[in-house]
Amino acid sequence: MTSDLTFILGGARSGKSAHAERLAVESAMPVTYIATARIGDTEFAERVRLHRERRPAHWSLVEAPLDLAGALREADRAGHCVLIDCLTLWLANLLFSSASASEEIAVLPESARDAFAQFDAALAEVHGKVIVVSNEIGLGVVPLGSVTRLYVDELGRLNQRVAAASARATLMVAGLPLALKG
């Protein structure tokens, strides 16, 4: 277990990012925000803009749509807070970065397995405070499509590994934090 790793998860618009940002501010440490998003359309660009406006201007920003482990290792140091937002988009980038739109993905690509292993190792070696945000998408019915089932299954496994490594885990529901661990 990483001593100062906090995991925040919840559904869409549950308040998870805002809660993670409050925790980062309350740490009173310098903050590096690691963003995993890729902007693909104007609606998503607007979402990203709103996130940026909400964050303090003095925070460092690192964009890491694929090499999350490398970004974490680079930003992490004692007396520093790293906020990663979010694993959900990172997984989508890993699954769909090399596949064409018409390609059906049946199994997790080896490159994604390697990225997961590198991220798990980077989390195990952190020196500062790390806050990781992810969506909880496994509360609904089993998806019909094989690609969607693969995505839900792999995000669930990734979330379980990060939760196990974390000292604290919080589920956000309607803007309210529910402590799951720590």
N, C-alpha and C. Protein backbone atom coordinates (compact mmCIF):
# COMPACT_ATOMS: atom_id res chain seq x y z
N MET A 1 0.84 -1.18 0.00
CA MET A 1 0.00 0.00 0.00
C MET A 1 0.89 1.24 0.00
N THR A 2 0.56 2.19 -0.87
CA THR A 2 1.27 3.46 -0.92
C THR A 2 0.73 4.34 0.19
N SER A 3 1.61 4.92 1.01
CA SER A 3 1.17 5.63 2.21
C SER A 3 0.34 6.87 1.94
N ASP A 4 0.61 7.63 0.89
CA ASP A 4 -0.16 8.85 0.67
C ASP A 4 -0.83 8.84 -0.70
N LEU A 5 -1.50 7.73 -0.99
CA LEU A 5 -2.25 7.60 -2.23
C LEU A 5 -3.73 7.62 -1.90
N THR A 6 -4.45 8.55 -2.53
CA THR A 6 -5.89 8.69 -2.35
C THR A 6 -6.57 8.40 -3.68
N PHE A 7 -7.60 7.56 -3.65
CA PHE A 7 -8.33 7.18 -4.84
C PHE A 7 -9.75 7.72 -4.73
N ILE A 8 -10.17 8.50 -5.74
CA ILE A 8 -11.51 9.10 -5.77
C ILE A 8 -12.22 8.53 -6.99
N LEU A 9 -13.37 7.90 -6.76
CA LEU A 9 -14.13 7.42 -7.90
C LEU A 9 -15.60 7.73 -7.74
N GLY A 10 -16.31 7.72 -8.85
CA GLY A 10 -17.74 8.01 -8.85
C GLY A 10 -18.23 8.04 -10.28
N GLY A 11 -19.51 8.28 -10.42
CA GLY A 11 -20.12 8.34 -11.73
C GLY A 11 -19.89 9.69 -12.39
N ALA A 12 -20.41 9.83 -13.59
CA ALA A 12 -20.32 11.10 -14.31
C ALA A 12 -21.04 12.18 -13.52
N ARG A 13 -20.41 13.35 -13.42
CA ARG A 13 -20.95 14.51 -12.71
C ARG A 13 -21.24 14.22 -11.23
N SER A 14 -20.46 13.33 -10.62
CA SER A 14 -20.64 13.00 -9.20
C SER A 14 -19.89 13.95 -8.29
N GLY A 15 -19.00 14.77 -8.86
CA GLY A 15 -18.20 15.69 -8.06
C GLY A 15 -16.81 15.17 -7.74
N LYS A 16 -16.41 14.10 -8.41
CA LYS A 16 -15.11 13.47 -8.08
C LYS A 16 -13.92 14.38 -8.39
N SER A 17 -13.92 15.04 -9.52
CA SER A 17 -12.79 15.92 -9.87
C SER A 17 -12.72 17.12 -8.91
N ALA A 18 -13.86 17.73 -8.64
CA ALA A 18 -13.89 18.88 -7.73
C ALA A 18 -13.41 18.47 -6.34
N HIS A 19 -13.82 17.29 -5.87
CA HIS A 19 -13.38 16.81 -4.57
C HIS A 19 -11.87 16.56 -4.57
N ALA A 20 -11.37 15.95 -5.61
CA ALA A 20 -9.92 15.69 -5.71
C ALA A 20 -9.15 17.01 -5.72
N GLU A 21 -9.68 18.00 -6.43
CA GLU A 21 -9.02 19.30 -6.48
C GLU A 21 -9.02 19.97 -5.10
N ARG A 22 -10.12 19.83 -4.34
CA ARG A 22 -10.15 20.37 -2.97
C ARG A 22 -9.09 19.71 -2.10
N LEU A 23 -8.96 18.39 -2.22
CA LEU A 23 -7.94 17.68 -1.44
C LEU A 23 -6.54 18.16 -1.80
N ALA A 24 -6.31 18.40 -3.08
CA ALA A 24 -5.00 18.90 -3.51
C ALA A 24 -4.72 20.28 -2.93
N VAL A 25 -5.71 21.17 -2.96
CA VAL A 25 -5.55 22.50 -2.38
C VAL A 25 -5.29 22.39 -0.88
N GLU A 26 -6.07 21.54 -0.19
CA GLU A 26 -5.92 21.38 1.26
C GLU A 26 -4.58 20.78 1.66
N SER A 27 -3.90 20.13 0.73
CA SER A 27 -2.58 19.56 1.05
C SER A 27 -1.56 20.67 1.32
N ALA A 28 -1.82 21.88 0.81
CA ALA A 28 -0.91 23.03 0.94
C ALA A 28 0.46 22.76 0.32
N MET A 29 0.52 21.81 -0.61
CA MET A 29 1.75 21.47 -1.31
C MET A 29 1.67 22.02 -2.74
N PRO A 30 2.82 22.17 -3.39
CA PRO A 30 2.78 22.44 -4.83
C PRO A 30 2.06 21.28 -5.53
N VAL A 31 1.28 21.58 -6.56
CA VAL A 31 0.46 20.56 -7.22
C VAL A 31 0.83 20.46 -8.69
N THR A 32 0.95 19.23 -9.15
CA THR A 32 1.02 18.94 -10.58
C THR A 32 -0.23 18.18 -10.95
N TYR A 33 -0.96 18.69 -11.91
CA TYR A 33 -2.19 18.09 -12.40
C TYR A 33 -1.83 17.30 -13.66
N ILE A 34 -2.05 16.00 -13.64
CA ILE A 34 -1.80 15.18 -14.82
C ILE A 34 -3.14 14.88 -15.48
N ALA A 35 -3.32 15.42 -16.68
CA ALA A 35 -4.55 15.25 -17.44
C ALA A 35 -4.35 14.14 -18.47
N THR A 36 -5.31 13.23 -18.53
CA THR A 36 -5.20 12.12 -19.47
C THR A 36 -6.08 12.31 -20.71
N ALA A 37 -6.88 13.36 -20.72
CA ALA A 37 -7.86 13.56 -21.80
C ALA A 37 -7.21 13.91 -23.12
N ARG A 38 -7.86 13.47 -24.17
CA ARG A 38 -7.59 13.91 -25.54
C ARG A 38 -8.85 14.63 -25.99
N ILE A 39 -8.68 15.82 -26.51
CA ILE A 39 -9.84 16.60 -26.94
C ILE A 39 -10.19 16.20 -28.36
N GLY A 40 -11.40 15.65 -28.53
CA GLY A 40 -11.79 15.14 -29.83
C GLY A 40 -12.89 15.93 -30.52
N ASP A 41 -13.60 16.78 -29.77
CA ASP A 41 -14.67 17.57 -30.37
C ASP A 41 -14.91 18.83 -29.53
N THR A 42 -15.77 19.71 -30.01
CA THR A 42 -15.98 21.00 -29.33
C THR A 42 -16.68 20.83 -27.98
N GLU A 43 -17.58 19.89 -27.87
CA GLU A 43 -18.27 19.68 -26.58
C GLU A 43 -17.27 19.25 -25.53
N PHE A 44 -16.37 18.33 -25.87
CA PHE A 44 -15.38 17.87 -24.91
C PHE A 44 -14.37 18.97 -24.61
N ALA A 45 -14.04 19.76 -25.60
CA ALA A 45 -13.14 20.90 -25.37
C ALA A 45 -13.74 21.86 -24.34
N GLU A 46 -15.05 22.04 -24.38
CA GLU A 46 -15.72 22.89 -23.39
C GLU A 46 -15.63 22.29 -21.99
N ARG A 47 -15.78 20.98 -21.89
CA ARG A 47 -15.62 20.32 -20.58
C ARG A 47 -14.22 20.55 -20.02
N VAL A 48 -13.23 20.39 -20.87
CA VAL A 48 -11.84 20.59 -20.45
C VAL A 48 -11.62 22.03 -20.04
N ARG A 49 -12.19 22.97 -20.78
CA ARG A 49 -12.05 24.39 -20.45
C ARG A 49 -12.60 24.67 -19.06
N LEU A 50 -13.76 24.12 -18.73
CA LEU A 50 -14.37 24.33 -17.42
C LEU A 50 -13.48 23.75 -16.31
N HIS A 51 -12.90 22.59 -16.55
CA HIS A 51 -11.96 22.01 -15.58
C HIS A 51 -10.77 22.93 -15.37
N ARG A 52 -10.21 23.42 -16.46
CA ARG A 52 -9.04 24.31 -16.37
C ARG A 52 -9.36 25.58 -15.59
N GLU A 53 -10.52 26.18 -15.86
CA GLU A 53 -10.90 27.42 -15.17
C GLU A 53 -11.06 27.21 -13.67
N ARG A 54 -11.48 26.04 -13.27
CA ARG A 54 -11.71 25.74 -11.86
C ARG A 54 -10.41 25.54 -11.09
N ARG A 55 -9.36 25.12 -11.78
CA ARG A 55 -8.08 24.83 -11.11
C ARG A 55 -7.28 26.09 -10.87
N PRO A 56 -6.52 26.12 -9.76
CA PRO A 56 -5.63 27.27 -9.52
C PRO A 56 -4.62 27.42 -10.66
N ALA A 57 -4.37 28.66 -11.05
CA ALA A 57 -3.47 28.94 -12.17
C ALA A 57 -2.03 28.55 -11.90
N HIS A 58 -1.64 28.51 -10.64
CA HIS A 58 -0.24 28.20 -10.32
C HIS A 58 0.07 26.70 -10.33
N TRP A 59 -0.92 25.86 -10.50
CA TRP A 59 -0.66 24.43 -10.60
C TRP A 59 0.06 24.13 -11.90
N SER A 60 0.97 23.18 -11.85
CA SER A 60 1.62 22.69 -13.07
C SER A 60 0.66 21.74 -13.78
N LEU A 61 0.73 21.72 -15.08
CA LEU A 61 -0.11 20.83 -15.88
C LEU A 61 0.79 19.96 -16.75
N VAL A 62 0.51 18.65 -16.71
CA VAL A 62 1.18 17.69 -17.59
C VAL A 62 0.08 16.94 -18.31
N GLU A 63 0.17 16.87 -19.63
CA GLU A 63 -0.80 16.10 -20.40
C GLU A 63 -0.18 14.76 -20.72
N ALA A 64 -0.86 13.70 -20.28
CA ALA A 64 -0.33 12.34 -20.44
C ALA A 64 -1.44 11.40 -20.90
N PRO A 65 -1.81 11.48 -22.17
CA PRO A 65 -2.88 10.61 -22.65
C PRO A 65 -2.49 9.14 -22.72
N LEU A 66 -1.19 8.82 -22.80
CA LEU A 66 -0.76 7.42 -22.90
C LEU A 66 0.28 7.04 -21.84
N ASP A 67 1.32 7.83 -21.67
CA ASP A 67 2.41 7.47 -20.74
C ASP A 67 2.15 8.03 -19.35
N LEU A 68 1.15 7.49 -18.69
CA LEU A 68 0.79 7.96 -17.36
C LEU A 68 1.86 7.62 -16.33
N ALA A 69 2.45 6.45 -16.43
CA ALA A 69 3.51 6.05 -15.50
C ALA A 69 4.70 7.00 -15.61
N GLY A 70 5.12 7.32 -16.81
CA GLY A 70 6.23 8.23 -17.01
C GLY A 70 5.93 9.61 -16.47
N ALA A 71 4.71 10.10 -16.70
CA ALA A 71 4.32 11.42 -16.19
C ALA A 71 4.31 11.43 -14.67
N LEU A 72 3.80 10.36 -14.06
CA LEU A 72 3.79 10.27 -12.60
C LEU A 72 5.20 10.25 -12.04
N ARG A 73 6.04 9.43 -12.62
CA ARG A 73 7.44 9.37 -12.13
C ARG A 73 8.13 10.73 -12.26
N GLU A 74 7.87 11.44 -13.32
CA GLU A 74 8.49 12.74 -13.55
C GLU A 74 7.98 13.79 -12.56
N ALA A 75 6.69 13.77 -12.24
CA ALA A 75 6.09 14.79 -11.38
C ALA A 75 6.24 14.50 -9.89
N ASP A 76 6.34 13.25 -9.53
CA ASP A 76 6.34 12.84 -8.12
C ASP A 76 7.63 13.22 -7.41
N ARG A 77 7.47 13.76 -6.21
CA ARG A 77 8.60 14.01 -5.31
C ARG A 77 8.04 14.31 -3.92
N ALA A 78 8.85 14.14 -2.91
CA ALA A 78 8.45 14.41 -1.54
C ALA A 78 8.01 15.87 -1.41
N GLY A 79 6.98 16.11 -0.61
CA GLY A 79 6.50 17.46 -0.40
C GLY A 79 5.72 18.04 -1.56
N HIS A 80 5.26 17.18 -2.47
CA HIS A 80 4.56 17.61 -3.67
C HIS A 80 3.29 16.76 -3.82
N CYS A 81 2.26 17.34 -4.40
CA CYS A 81 1.00 16.63 -4.65
C CYS A 81 0.82 16.46 -6.16
N VAL A 82 0.48 15.24 -6.56
CA VAL A 82 0.17 14.95 -7.96
C VAL A 82 -1.29 14.52 -8.02
N LEU A 83 -2.06 15.17 -8.88
CA LEU A 83 -3.46 14.82 -9.07
C LEU A 83 -3.61 14.27 -10.49
N ILE A 84 -4.06 13.03 -10.60
CA ILE A 84 -4.26 12.39 -11.91
C ILE A 84 -5.75 12.34 -12.20
N ASP A 85 -6.15 12.94 -13.32
CA ASP A 85 -7.56 12.97 -13.69
C ASP A 85 -7.68 12.69 -15.19
N CYS A 86 -8.07 11.53 -15.63
CA CYS A 86 -8.59 10.41 -14.88
C CYS A 86 -8.21 9.09 -15.56
N LEU A 87 -8.35 8.02 -14.82
CA LEU A 87 -8.03 6.68 -15.35
C LEU A 87 -8.99 6.27 -16.45
N THR A 88 -10.22 6.73 -16.38
CA THR A 88 -11.25 6.36 -17.35
C THR A 88 -10.85 6.77 -18.77
N LEU A 89 -10.40 8.01 -18.91
CA LEU A 89 -9.98 8.49 -20.24
C LEU A 89 -8.66 7.86 -20.66
N TRP A 90 -7.77 7.63 -19.69
CA TRP A 90 -6.49 6.99 -20.00
C TRP A 90 -6.73 5.60 -20.60
N LEU A 91 -7.63 4.82 -19.99
CA LEU A 91 -7.93 3.50 -20.52
C LEU A 91 -8.50 3.60 -21.94
N ALA A 92 -9.40 4.54 -22.17
CA ALA A 92 -9.96 4.71 -23.52
C ALA A 92 -8.85 5.03 -24.52
N ASN A 93 -7.91 5.88 -24.12
CA ASN A 93 -6.79 6.21 -25.00
C ASN A 93 -5.95 4.98 -25.30
N LEU A 94 -5.69 4.16 -24.28
CA LEU A 94 -4.89 2.95 -24.48
C LEU A 94 -5.58 1.95 -25.40
N LEU A 95 -6.87 1.79 -25.22
CA LEU A 95 -7.61 0.81 -26.03
C LEU A 95 -7.80 1.26 -27.47
N PHE A 96 -8.00 2.55 -27.68
CA PHE A 96 -8.41 3.01 -28.99
C PHE A 96 -7.37 3.84 -29.72
N SER A 97 -6.18 4.01 -29.15
CA SER A 97 -5.17 4.83 -29.81
C SER A 97 -4.62 4.19 -31.07
N SER A 98 -4.53 2.85 -31.08
CA SER A 98 -3.97 2.19 -32.25
C SER A 98 -5.03 1.52 -33.12
N ALA A 99 -6.24 1.43 -32.61
CA ALA A 99 -7.31 0.77 -33.38
C ALA A 99 -8.03 1.78 -34.27
N SER A 100 -8.42 1.33 -35.42
CA SER A 100 -9.22 2.19 -36.29
C SER A 100 -10.66 2.18 -35.79
N ALA A 101 -11.44 3.13 -36.21
CA ALA A 101 -12.83 3.26 -35.73
C ALA A 101 -13.66 2.01 -36.04
N SER A 102 -13.34 1.31 -37.11
CA SER A 102 -14.13 0.14 -37.49
C SER A 102 -13.59 -1.16 -36.90
N GLU A 103 -12.44 -1.09 -36.26
CA GLU A 103 -11.80 -2.29 -35.73
C GLU A 103 -12.45 -2.73 -34.42
N GLU A 104 -12.74 -3.99 -34.30
CA GLU A 104 -13.33 -4.57 -33.10
C GLU A 104 -12.20 -5.07 -32.21
N ILE A 105 -12.16 -4.60 -30.96
CA ILE A 105 -11.13 -5.03 -30.01
C ILE A 105 -11.70 -6.16 -29.17
N ALA A 106 -11.06 -7.31 -29.20
CA ALA A 106 -11.58 -8.47 -28.47
C ALA A 106 -10.87 -8.68 -27.13
N VAL A 107 -9.59 -8.33 -27.08
CA VAL A 107 -8.82 -8.52 -25.85
C VAL A 107 -7.98 -7.27 -25.60
N LEU A 108 -7.55 -7.13 -24.37
CA LEU A 108 -6.71 -6.00 -24.01
C LEU A 108 -5.39 -6.08 -24.78
N PRO A 109 -5.03 -5.04 -25.52
CA PRO A 109 -3.77 -5.07 -26.27
C PRO A 109 -2.57 -5.20 -25.32
N GLU A 110 -1.52 -5.83 -25.79
CA GLU A 110 -0.30 -6.00 -24.99
C GLU A 110 0.26 -4.65 -24.55
N SER A 111 0.17 -3.64 -25.41
CA SER A 111 0.66 -2.31 -25.05
C SER A 111 -0.09 -1.75 -23.83
N ALA A 112 -1.38 -2.04 -23.73
CA ALA A 112 -2.16 -1.59 -22.57
C ALA A 112 -1.75 -2.37 -21.32
N ARG A 113 -1.53 -3.66 -21.47
CA ARG A 113 -1.06 -4.46 -20.32
C ARG A 113 0.27 -3.91 -19.79
N ASP A 114 1.16 -3.58 -20.71
CA ASP A 114 2.45 -3.01 -20.32
C ASP A 114 2.26 -1.67 -19.62
N ALA A 115 1.38 -0.83 -20.14
CA ALA A 115 1.11 0.48 -19.53
C ALA A 115 0.54 0.31 -18.13
N PHE A 116 -0.35 -0.67 -17.94
CA PHE A 116 -0.91 -0.95 -16.61
C PHE A 116 0.20 -1.37 -15.65
N ALA A 117 1.06 -2.28 -16.08
CA ALA A 117 2.15 -2.76 -15.22
C ALA A 117 3.08 -1.62 -14.83
N GLN A 118 3.39 -0.76 -15.80
CA GLN A 118 4.25 0.39 -15.51
C GLN A 118 3.57 1.36 -14.54
N PHE A 119 2.28 1.58 -14.69
CA PHE A 119 1.55 2.47 -13.79
C PHE A 119 1.49 1.89 -12.39
N ASP A 120 1.19 0.59 -12.29
CA ASP A 120 1.16 -0.07 -10.98
C ASP A 120 2.52 0.09 -10.28
N ALA A 121 3.60 -0.10 -11.01
CA ALA A 121 4.94 0.03 -10.44
C ALA A 121 5.22 1.47 -10.03
N ALA A 122 4.81 2.43 -10.84
CA ALA A 122 5.02 3.84 -10.50
C ALA A 122 4.26 4.22 -9.24
N LEU A 123 3.03 3.73 -9.10
CA LEU A 123 2.25 4.00 -7.88
C LEU A 123 2.93 3.42 -6.65
N ALA A 124 3.53 2.26 -6.79
CA ALA A 124 4.19 1.60 -5.66
C ALA A 124 5.44 2.33 -5.20
N GLU A 125 5.96 3.23 -6.03
CA GLU A 125 7.23 3.91 -5.74
C GLU A 125 7.08 5.39 -5.42
N VAL A 126 5.85 5.91 -5.26
CA VAL A 126 5.68 7.36 -5.09
C VAL A 126 6.28 7.86 -3.78
N HIS A 127 6.72 9.11 -3.81
CA HIS A 127 7.36 9.75 -2.66
C HIS A 127 6.49 10.85 -2.06
N GLY A 128 5.60 11.43 -2.85
CA GLY A 128 4.75 12.52 -2.39
C GLY A 128 3.32 12.08 -2.24
N LYS A 129 2.42 13.05 -2.23
CA LYS A 129 0.99 12.79 -2.15
C LYS A 129 0.46 12.60 -3.57
N VAL A 130 -0.32 11.56 -3.78
CA VAL A 130 -0.91 11.30 -5.09
C VAL A 130 -2.41 11.09 -4.92
N ILE A 131 -3.17 11.78 -5.76
CA ILE A 131 -4.63 11.66 -5.79
C ILE A 131 -5.00 11.18 -7.19
N VAL A 132 -5.72 10.07 -7.27
CA VAL A 132 -6.10 9.48 -8.56
C VAL A 132 -7.62 9.49 -8.68
N VAL A 133 -8.12 9.96 -9.82
CA VAL A 133 -9.55 10.04 -10.09
C VAL A 133 -9.91 9.01 -11.16
N SER A 134 -11.06 8.35 -10.97
CA SER A 134 -11.56 7.42 -11.97
C SER A 134 -13.08 7.34 -11.88
N ASN A 135 -13.70 6.88 -12.94
CA ASN A 135 -15.14 6.65 -12.94
C ASN A 135 -15.45 5.26 -12.43
N GLU A 136 -16.57 5.15 -11.74
CA GLU A 136 -17.13 3.85 -11.39
C GLU A 136 -18.24 3.60 -12.39
N ILE A 137 -17.99 2.69 -13.33
CA ILE A 137 -18.98 2.45 -14.39
C ILE A 137 -19.55 1.04 -14.32
N GLY A 138 -19.21 0.29 -13.29
CA GLY A 138 -19.64 -1.09 -13.20
C GLY A 138 -20.91 -1.32 -12.40
N LEU A 139 -21.68 -0.27 -12.15
CA LEU A 139 -22.89 -0.43 -11.33
C LEU A 139 -24.13 -0.75 -12.14
N GLY A 140 -24.02 -0.73 -13.46
CA GLY A 140 -25.18 -0.96 -14.31
C GLY A 140 -25.24 -2.40 -14.80
N VAL A 141 -26.02 -2.60 -15.83
CA VAL A 141 -26.17 -3.92 -16.43
C VAL A 141 -24.93 -4.26 -17.25
N VAL A 142 -24.77 -5.52 -17.56
CA VAL A 142 -23.65 -5.95 -18.40
C VAL A 142 -23.90 -5.42 -19.81
N PRO A 143 -22.92 -4.67 -20.37
CA PRO A 143 -23.11 -4.10 -21.71
C PRO A 143 -23.29 -5.17 -22.78
N LEU A 144 -24.00 -4.82 -23.84
CA LEU A 144 -24.26 -5.76 -24.92
C LEU A 144 -23.06 -5.97 -25.82
N GLY A 145 -22.32 -4.93 -26.14
CA GLY A 145 -21.22 -5.05 -27.10
C GLY A 145 -19.94 -5.56 -26.46
N SER A 146 -19.17 -6.34 -27.23
CA SER A 146 -17.94 -6.92 -26.70
C SER A 146 -16.88 -5.86 -26.36
N VAL A 147 -16.79 -4.79 -27.14
CA VAL A 147 -15.82 -3.74 -26.87
C VAL A 147 -16.18 -3.02 -25.57
N THR A 148 -17.46 -2.74 -25.39
CA THR A 148 -17.90 -2.07 -24.17
C THR A 148 -17.70 -2.97 -22.96
N ARG A 149 -17.97 -4.27 -23.11
CA ARG A 149 -17.72 -5.21 -21.99
C ARG A 149 -16.24 -5.24 -21.64
N LEU A 150 -15.37 -5.27 -22.65
CA LEU A 150 -13.93 -5.25 -22.40
C LEU A 150 -13.54 -3.99 -21.64
N TYR A 151 -14.06 -2.84 -22.07
CA TYR A 151 -13.75 -1.57 -21.42
C TYR A 151 -14.21 -1.57 -19.96
N VAL A 152 -15.45 -1.96 -19.71
CA VAL A 152 -15.99 -1.99 -18.34
C VAL A 152 -15.18 -2.96 -17.48
N ASP A 153 -14.88 -4.13 -18.02
CA ASP A 153 -14.11 -5.13 -17.26
C ASP A 153 -12.71 -4.61 -16.92
N GLU A 154 -12.03 -4.04 -17.89
CA GLU A 154 -10.65 -3.58 -17.65
C GLU A 154 -10.61 -2.37 -16.72
N LEU A 155 -11.58 -1.46 -16.84
CA LEU A 155 -11.61 -0.34 -15.91
C LEU A 155 -11.90 -0.83 -14.49
N GLY A 156 -12.79 -1.81 -14.37
CA GLY A 156 -13.07 -2.38 -13.05
C GLY A 156 -11.82 -3.00 -12.43
N ARG A 157 -11.06 -3.73 -13.22
CA ARG A 157 -9.82 -4.34 -12.72
C ARG A 157 -8.79 -3.28 -12.35
N LEU A 158 -8.65 -2.26 -13.20
CA LEU A 158 -7.72 -1.17 -12.92
C LEU A 158 -8.12 -0.46 -11.64
N ASN A 159 -9.40 -0.13 -11.49
CA ASN A 159 -9.88 0.53 -10.27
C ASN A 159 -9.61 -0.32 -9.03
N GLN A 160 -9.80 -1.62 -9.14
CA GLN A 160 -9.54 -2.50 -7.99
C GLN A 160 -8.07 -2.47 -7.59
N ARG A 161 -7.17 -2.47 -8.56
CA ARG A 161 -5.73 -2.44 -8.24
C ARG A 161 -5.34 -1.13 -7.58
N VAL A 162 -5.86 -0.02 -8.11
CA VAL A 162 -5.53 1.28 -7.52
C VAL A 162 -6.13 1.39 -6.12
N ALA A 163 -7.35 0.93 -5.94
CA ALA A 163 -7.98 0.96 -4.61
C ALA A 163 -7.18 0.12 -3.62
N ALA A 164 -6.71 -1.03 -4.03
CA ALA A 164 -5.92 -1.89 -3.14
C ALA A 164 -4.60 -1.22 -2.74
N ALA A 165 -4.01 -0.46 -3.65
CA ALA A 165 -2.74 0.21 -3.38
C ALA A 165 -2.92 1.49 -2.57
N SER A 166 -4.14 1.98 -2.48
CA SER A 166 -4.40 3.27 -1.85
C SER A 166 -4.57 3.17 -0.34
N ALA A 167 -4.14 4.23 0.34
CA ALA A 167 -4.38 4.35 1.78
C ALA A 167 -5.82 4.80 2.03
N ARG A 168 -6.36 5.60 1.09
CA ARG A 168 -7.71 6.12 1.21
C ARG A 168 -8.43 5.96 -0.12
N ALA A 169 -9.73 5.61 -0.04
CA ALA A 169 -10.57 5.54 -1.24
C ALA A 169 -11.91 6.16 -0.89
N THR A 170 -12.42 6.99 -1.82
CA THR A 170 -13.68 7.70 -1.61
C THR A 170 -14.56 7.52 -2.83
N LEU A 171 -15.82 7.21 -2.60
CA LEU A 171 -16.82 7.14 -3.66
C LEU A 171 -17.64 8.42 -3.59
N MET A 172 -17.73 9.13 -4.71
CA MET A 172 -18.51 10.37 -4.77
C MET A 172 -19.90 10.06 -5.34
N VAL A 173 -20.93 10.55 -4.65
CA VAL A 173 -22.31 10.40 -5.10
C VAL A 173 -23.00 11.75 -4.88
N ALA A 174 -23.51 12.36 -5.94
CA ALA A 174 -24.23 13.63 -5.85
C ALA A 174 -23.43 14.69 -5.11
N GLY A 175 -22.13 14.71 -5.35
CA GLY A 175 -21.27 15.70 -4.72
C GLY A 175 -20.86 15.39 -3.28
N LEU A 176 -21.31 14.26 -2.78
CA LEU A 176 -21.01 13.88 -1.40
C LEU A 176 -20.00 12.76 -1.35
N PRO A 177 -18.95 12.91 -0.53
CA PRO A 177 -17.93 11.86 -0.42
C PRO A 177 -18.34 10.76 0.56
N LEU A 178 -18.20 9.54 0.13
CA LEU A 178 -18.44 8.38 0.99
C LEU A 178 -17.12 7.65 1.14
N ALA A 179 -16.57 7.65 2.35
CA ALA A 179 -15.28 7.00 2.60
C ALA A 179 -15.44 5.49 2.48
N LEU A 180 -14.62 4.90 1.62
CA LEU A 180 -14.62 3.46 1.44
C LEU A 180 -13.44 2.82 2.17
N LYS A 181 -12.37 3.59 2.32
CA LYS A 181 -11.13 3.05 2.90
C LYS A 181 -10.35 4.20 3.50
N GLY A 182 -9.79 3.98 4.67
CA GLY A 182 -8.90 4.96 5.30
C GLY A 182 -9.62 6.08 6.01
